[in-house]
Amino acid sequence: MKLRPIEIGDAGKAAALLAEGFPSHSHEAWAGTVQRLFAHAQEIGETSIGQFVMAGGDEIGLCLAIPSYRTAYADQPTRIVNLASFFLRPGSEWMAPLLMRRLTADRSVEYTDLTASPSMRKINRQTGFVDHSEGSVFIPVPVAALRAGRGARVLPLGAIRPGALPDAHIRLLEQHAALGCIAVALEVHGTCHPLILTSSPRRRVPSARVILVRDRQLIRKGLGPIARHLMKRGFAFLEFDARAKVGFPEAMFRTEVAPVQSTRDTADEAIDHTFSEMVFLRPG
């Protein structure tokens, strides 16, 4: 058993193997995902988007390893690798624990897994991952839209006044808007904060999941305006990962949703899933 980097010349092979392992997405959808991942990797100077699992000279599985840097709420840029779409062909599943150890061997990197299956969550914990949530908060948008949200408003990207956000935050919003996300500023009592959400349907119900926000209390303060912004775009629920639904009485808390797992021991208050699978792996 060996690992081989997934590089640009492997795009077709990677898409085919992903479609085999995750048939809920078409081969065309996976091909588009792989293309977006390589474009992102090249922009930050990376050449690989994951690893093939090799045995007997053949690819028997793969794991996407999406490289990025956490910048929005970090004292200094932190290198992140988001592991996603882990697949081993039937009969090879026993390799999973060893593979995870090899995939996460670089201790200078923070590895994350945002959508692990129940069996993979256990393997991740054995490998050194820590749970940073216990599920997801789901807030009905029509109900939350009734909140007043005094002193708060949502500003579309083009309406953010010059100097209201650091240039790096504006760039982050622009990059995610180009990737199909809802990228806006949330202004609370005159201070602007970047806010990024992405479409994350649940049982075909249109939901928007929070990708970037300073903290969950900021969501609470701006919930009414956020909900009204989403309602105009046809979303039924607002979702974000958490340990409980405290402060959101209208919400439901679902523990069956995969916890956010990371090799970082401590969690900060920010939700930051920028340039992760939640951005690149679109429904369809």
Protein backbone atom coordinates (compact mmCIF):
# COMPACT_ATOMS: atom_id res chain seq x y z
CA MET A 1 0.00 0.00 0.00
CA LYS A 2 1.35 3.40 -1.03
CA LEU A 3 0.11 6.97 -1.30
CA ARG A 4 0.51 9.00 -4.48
CA PRO A 5 -0.31 12.73 -4.76
CA ILE A 6 -3.30 13.69 -6.90
CA GLU A 7 -1.82 16.16 -9.37
CA ILE A 8 -3.24 18.06 -12.33
CA GLY A 9 -2.60 15.23 -14.80
CA ASP A 10 -4.71 12.94 -12.60
CA ALA A 11 -7.86 15.08 -12.80
CA GLY A 12 -9.86 12.62 -14.92
CA LYS A 13 -8.81 9.61 -12.87
CA ALA A 14 -9.64 11.40 -9.61
CA ALA A 15 -13.10 12.42 -10.85
CA ALA A 16 -13.87 8.86 -11.95
CA LEU A 17 -12.83 7.40 -8.61
CA LEU A 18 -14.80 10.03 -6.70
CA ALA A 19 -17.90 9.26 -8.77
CA GLU A 20 -17.41 5.56 -8.00
CA GLY A 21 -17.10 6.18 -4.28
CA PHE A 22 -19.77 8.88 -4.01
CA PRO A 23 -22.36 8.20 -6.74
CA SER A 24 -24.84 10.74 -5.34
CA HIS A 25 -22.76 13.23 -7.34
CA SER A 26 -22.44 12.68 -11.08
CA HIS A 27 -19.12 12.23 -12.84
CA GLU A 28 -19.63 15.68 -14.39
CA ALA A 29 -20.20 17.24 -10.96
CA TRP A 30 -17.02 15.63 -9.62
CA ALA A 31 -15.06 16.76 -12.67
CA GLY A 32 -16.16 20.33 -11.96
CA THR A 33 -15.19 19.99 -8.31
CA VAL A 34 -11.74 18.66 -9.20
CA GLN A 35 -11.23 21.53 -11.64
CA ARG A 36 -12.14 24.11 -8.98
CA LEU A 37 -9.84 22.45 -6.45
CA PHE A 38 -6.87 22.54 -8.80
CA ALA A 39 -7.53 26.19 -9.66
CA HIS A 40 -7.53 27.01 -5.94
CA ALA A 41 -4.42 24.93 -5.22
CA GLN A 42 -2.47 26.57 -8.03
CA GLU A 43 -3.46 30.03 -6.80
CA ILE A 44 -1.80 29.38 -3.43
CA GLY A 45 1.21 27.62 -4.93
CA GLU A 46 0.19 24.00 -4.28
CA THR A 47 0.38 21.14 -6.79
CA SER A 48 -1.72 18.43 -5.11
CA ILE A 49 -5.35 18.22 -3.95
CA GLY A 50 -5.08 14.91 -2.11
CA GLN A 51 -3.70 11.40 -2.24
CA PHE A 52 -4.45 8.24 -4.19
CA VAL A 53 -4.24 4.98 -2.28
CA MET A 54 -2.21 2.51 -4.32
CA ALA A 55 -2.01 -1.29 -4.09
CA GLY A 56 -0.49 -3.58 -6.71
CA GLY A 57 0.07 -0.60 -8.99
CA ASP A 58 -3.62 0.35 -9.08
CA GLU A 59 -5.61 3.14 -7.44
CA ILE A 60 -7.91 1.51 -4.89
CA GLY A 61 -9.04 4.67 -3.16
CA LEU A 62 -8.33 8.31 -2.50
CA CYS A 63 -8.77 11.15 -0.06
CA LEU A 64 -9.07 14.78 -1.00
CA ALA A 65 -6.74 17.00 1.02
CA ILE A 66 -7.76 20.60 0.33
CA PRO A 67 -4.96 23.03 1.21
CA SER A 68 -5.62 26.55 2.48
CA TYR A 69 -4.58 29.11 5.07
CA ARG A 70 -6.79 30.38 7.89
CA THR A 71 -6.41 34.15 7.90
CA ALA A 72 -9.64 35.93 8.87
CA TYR A 73 -9.48 35.38 12.63
CA ALA A 74 -5.93 34.10 13.09
CA ASP A 75 -3.04 35.94 14.72
CA GLN A 76 -0.94 34.72 11.79
CA PRO A 77 -1.88 32.64 8.72
CA THR A 78 -2.34 29.00 9.72
CA ARG A 79 -1.88 26.20 7.20
CA ILE A 80 -5.00 24.03 7.04
CA VAL A 81 -5.64 20.80 5.15
CA ASN A 82 -9.29 19.76 4.95
CA LEU A 83 -9.62 16.00 4.47
CA ALA A 84 -12.73 15.05 2.51
CA SER A 85 -14.29 12.33 0.36
CA PHE A 86 -12.26 9.47 1.86
CA PHE A 87 -12.94 6.36 -0.24
CA LEU A 88 -11.52 2.83 -0.27
CA ARG A 89 -12.87 0.15 -2.55
CA PRO A 90 -14.71 -2.75 -0.86
CA GLY A 91 -12.29 -5.13 0.81
CA SER A 92 -9.73 -2.41 1.52
CA GLU A 93 -11.55 -0.61 4.33
CA TRP A 94 -9.25 -2.17 6.94
CA MET A 95 -6.53 0.19 5.75
CA ALA A 96 -8.42 3.29 6.93
CA PRO A 97 -6.76 3.80 10.38
CA LEU A 98 -3.23 3.44 8.98
CA LEU A 99 -4.05 5.72 6.06
CA MET A 100 -5.40 8.45 8.32
CA ARG A 101 -2.20 8.38 10.35
CA ARG A 102 -0.14 8.73 7.19
CA LEU A 103 -2.38 11.47 5.79
CA THR A 104 -2.02 13.54 8.97
CA ALA A 105 1.68 12.97 9.61
CA ASP A 106 2.81 16.60 9.20
CA ARG A 107 2.51 18.08 12.69
CA SER A 108 3.01 21.63 11.40
CA VAL A 109 -0.39 21.41 9.65
CA GLU A 110 -3.87 21.58 11.14
CA TYR A 111 -6.06 18.89 9.58
CA THR A 112 -9.84 19.14 9.58
CA ASP A 113 -12.69 16.80 8.74
CA LEU A 114 -16.11 18.42 8.50
CA THR A 115 -18.31 15.61 7.18
CA ALA A 116 -16.91 12.35 8.52
CA SER A 117 -19.16 9.28 8.62
CA PRO A 118 -19.80 7.74 12.06
CA SER A 119 -17.11 5.07 11.47
CA MET A 120 -14.59 7.65 10.27
CA ARG A 121 -15.29 9.90 13.27
CA LYS A 122 -14.07 7.10 15.55
CA ILE A 123 -10.95 6.57 13.45
CA ASN A 124 -10.27 10.31 13.44
CA ARG A 125 -10.46 10.45 17.24
CA GLN A 126 -8.00 7.57 17.49
CA THR A 127 -5.69 9.45 15.13
CA GLY A 128 -5.68 12.62 17.23
CA PHE A 129 -8.67 14.61 16.00
CA VAL A 130 -10.78 16.52 18.53
CA ASP A 131 -14.51 17.25 18.20
CA HIS A 132 -15.18 21.01 18.13
CA SER A 133 -18.96 20.70 17.81
CA GLU A 134 -21.65 18.21 18.72
CA GLY A 135 -23.98 18.85 15.81
CA SER A 136 -25.66 21.70 13.99
CA VAL A 137 -28.14 24.42 14.88
CA PHE A 138 -30.98 24.75 12.34
CA ILE A 139 -32.96 27.99 12.48
CA PRO A 140 -36.19 28.36 10.46
CA VAL A 141 -35.58 31.43 8.35
CA PRO A 142 -39.23 32.67 8.23
CA VAL A 143 -39.42 32.60 12.04
CA ALA A 144 -36.02 34.23 12.58
CA ALA A 145 -36.91 36.93 10.05
CA LEU A 146 -39.38 38.28 12.62
CA ARG A 147 -36.52 39.27 14.92
CA ALA A 148 -35.93 43.01 14.86
CA GLY A 149 -32.15 42.98 14.79
CA ARG A 150 -31.84 46.57 15.98
CA GLY A 151 -28.55 48.14 15.00
CA ALA A 152 -27.72 45.34 12.56
CA ARG A 153 -27.93 45.05 8.81
CA VAL A 154 -26.55 42.88 6.00
CA LEU A 155 -24.52 44.67 3.34
CA PRO A 156 -23.99 43.06 -0.08
CA LEU A 157 -20.38 42.98 -1.22
CA GLY A 158 -20.81 45.98 -3.51
CA ALA A 159 -22.39 48.08 -0.74
CA ILE A 160 -19.57 47.79 1.80
CA ARG A 161 -18.16 51.27 2.32
CA PRO A 162 -14.42 51.76 1.69
CA GLY A 163 -12.36 51.05 4.78
CA ALA A 164 -15.18 49.28 6.63
CA LEU A 165 -13.35 45.95 6.34
CA PRO A 166 -9.65 45.15 5.98
CA ASP A 167 -8.53 44.54 2.40
CA ALA A 168 -7.81 40.90 3.28
CA HIS A 169 -11.43 40.39 4.38
CA ILE A 170 -12.74 42.00 1.20
CA ARG A 171 -10.51 39.70 -0.85
CA LEU A 172 -11.80 36.68 1.07
CA LEU A 173 -15.40 37.73 0.41
CA GLU A 174 -14.67 38.27 -3.30
CA GLN A 175 -13.02 34.87 -3.65
CA HIS A 176 -15.95 33.07 -2.04
CA ALA A 177 -18.53 35.04 -4.00
CA ALA A 178 -16.74 33.84 -7.15
CA LEU A 179 -17.12 30.28 -5.85
CA GLY A 180 -20.89 30.69 -5.53
CA CYS A 181 -21.14 31.55 -1.83
CA ILE A 182 -23.20 34.27 -0.18
CA ALA A 183 -20.45 36.70 0.79
CA VAL A 184 -21.60 39.83 2.64
CA ALA A 185 -20.78 42.10 5.54
CA LEU A 186 -22.80 42.04 8.73
CA GLU A 187 -22.82 45.52 10.24
CA VAL A 188 -23.64 45.66 13.95
CA HIS A 189 -23.82 49.07 15.62
CA GLY A 190 -21.63 50.58 12.92
CA THR A 191 -18.92 47.91 12.90
CA CYS A 192 -18.65 45.59 9.88
CA HIS A 193 -17.77 41.90 10.00
CA PRO A 194 -17.29 39.44 7.10
CA LEU A 195 -20.02 36.80 6.79
CA ILE A 196 -19.92 33.90 4.33
CA LEU A 197 -22.60 31.24 3.82
CA THR A 198 -23.05 28.47 1.28
CA SER A 199 -26.00 26.46 0.04
CA SER A 200 -26.25 23.20 1.99
CA PRO A 201 -29.58 21.50 1.23
CA ARG A 202 -30.90 19.05 3.83
CA ARG A 203 -33.34 16.47 2.48
CA ARG A 204 -33.90 18.75 -0.50
CA VAL A 205 -34.85 21.63 1.78
CA PRO A 206 -32.84 24.77 0.87
CA SER A 207 -30.52 25.62 3.74
CA ALA A 208 -27.62 28.05 4.08
CA ARG A 209 -24.66 26.98 6.21
CA VAL A 210 -22.33 29.47 7.87
CA ILE A 211 -18.80 29.24 6.49
CA LEU A 212 -17.25 32.26 8.16
CA VAL A 213 -18.35 34.39 11.12
CA ARG A 214 -16.52 35.95 14.05
CA ASP A 215 -18.55 33.97 16.59
CA ARG A 216 -22.03 32.60 17.19
CA GLN A 217 -23.02 35.58 19.29
CA LEU A 218 -22.61 37.75 16.21
CA ILE A 219 -25.12 35.49 14.43
CA ARG A 220 -27.54 36.03 17.32
CA LYS A 221 -27.14 39.81 17.18
CA GLY A 222 -27.74 39.93 13.44
CA LEU A 223 -30.15 37.01 13.11
CA GLY A 224 -33.18 39.02 11.95
CA PRO A 225 -31.38 40.82 9.09
CA ILE A 226 -29.50 37.62 8.13
CA ALA A 227 -32.75 35.65 7.99
CA ARG A 228 -34.48 38.32 5.90
CA HIS A 229 -31.52 38.34 3.50
CA LEU A 230 -31.74 34.56 3.15
CA MET A 231 -35.53 34.49 2.84
CA LYS A 232 -35.33 36.74 -0.22
CA ARG A 233 -33.06 34.11 -1.77
CA GLY A 234 -35.41 31.21 -1.09
CA PHE A 235 -33.66 29.58 1.87
CA ALA A 236 -35.75 27.82 4.51
CA PHE A 237 -33.08 27.24 7.19
CA LEU A 238 -29.89 28.78 8.49
CA GLU A 239 -27.37 26.21 9.76
CA PHE A 240 -24.15 26.45 11.76
CA ASP A 241 -22.09 24.01 13.80
CA ALA A 242 -22.23 24.31 17.58
CA ARG A 243 -22.34 22.38 20.85
CA ALA A 244 -25.89 23.48 21.71
CA LYS A 245 -28.61 25.89 20.58
CA VAL A 246 -28.28 28.25 23.56
CA GLY A 247 -29.42 31.75 22.60
CA PHE A 248 -31.54 30.53 19.68
CA PRO A 249 -34.93 29.45 21.13
CA GLU A 250 -36.52 29.10 17.68
CA ALA A 251 -33.85 26.64 16.56
CA MET A 252 -33.56 22.86 16.35
CA PHE A 253 -30.32 21.12 17.33
CA ARG A 254 -29.39 18.01 15.35
CA THR A 255 -26.69 15.75 16.72
CA GLU A 256 -26.75 13.39 13.74
CA VAL A 257 -24.87 16.02 11.72
CA ALA A 258 -21.15 15.28 11.63
CA PRO A 259 -19.15 17.21 14.23
CA VAL A 260 -16.38 19.54 13.12
CA GLN A 261 -13.18 17.61 13.82
CA SER A 262 -9.66 19.01 13.87
CA THR A 263 -6.16 18.06 14.99
CA ARG A 264 -6.04 21.39 16.85
CA ASP A 265 -6.58 20.78 20.56
CA THR A 266 -8.40 23.99 21.41
CA ALA A 267 -11.22 25.73 19.59
CA ASP A 268 -11.64 29.46 19.18
CA GLU A 269 -14.92 31.30 18.91
CA ALA A 270 -14.84 31.84 15.16
CA ILE A 271 -16.47 29.56 12.62
CA ASP A 272 -14.02 29.40 9.71
CA HIS A 273 -14.55 26.80 6.97
CA THR A 274 -13.22 29.00 4.20
CA PHE A 275 -11.81 27.14 1.17
CA SER A 276 -13.09 23.84 2.58
CA GLU A 277 -15.15 21.04 1.06
CA MET A 278 -18.28 22.99 2.01
CA VAL A 279 -17.27 25.60 -0.54
CA PHE A 280 -15.94 23.36 -3.32
CA LEU A 281 -18.18 20.27 -3.11
CA ARG A 282 -21.47 21.61 -4.44
CA PRO A 283 -24.75 19.68 -4.40
CA GLY A 284 -25.59 17.73 -7.54
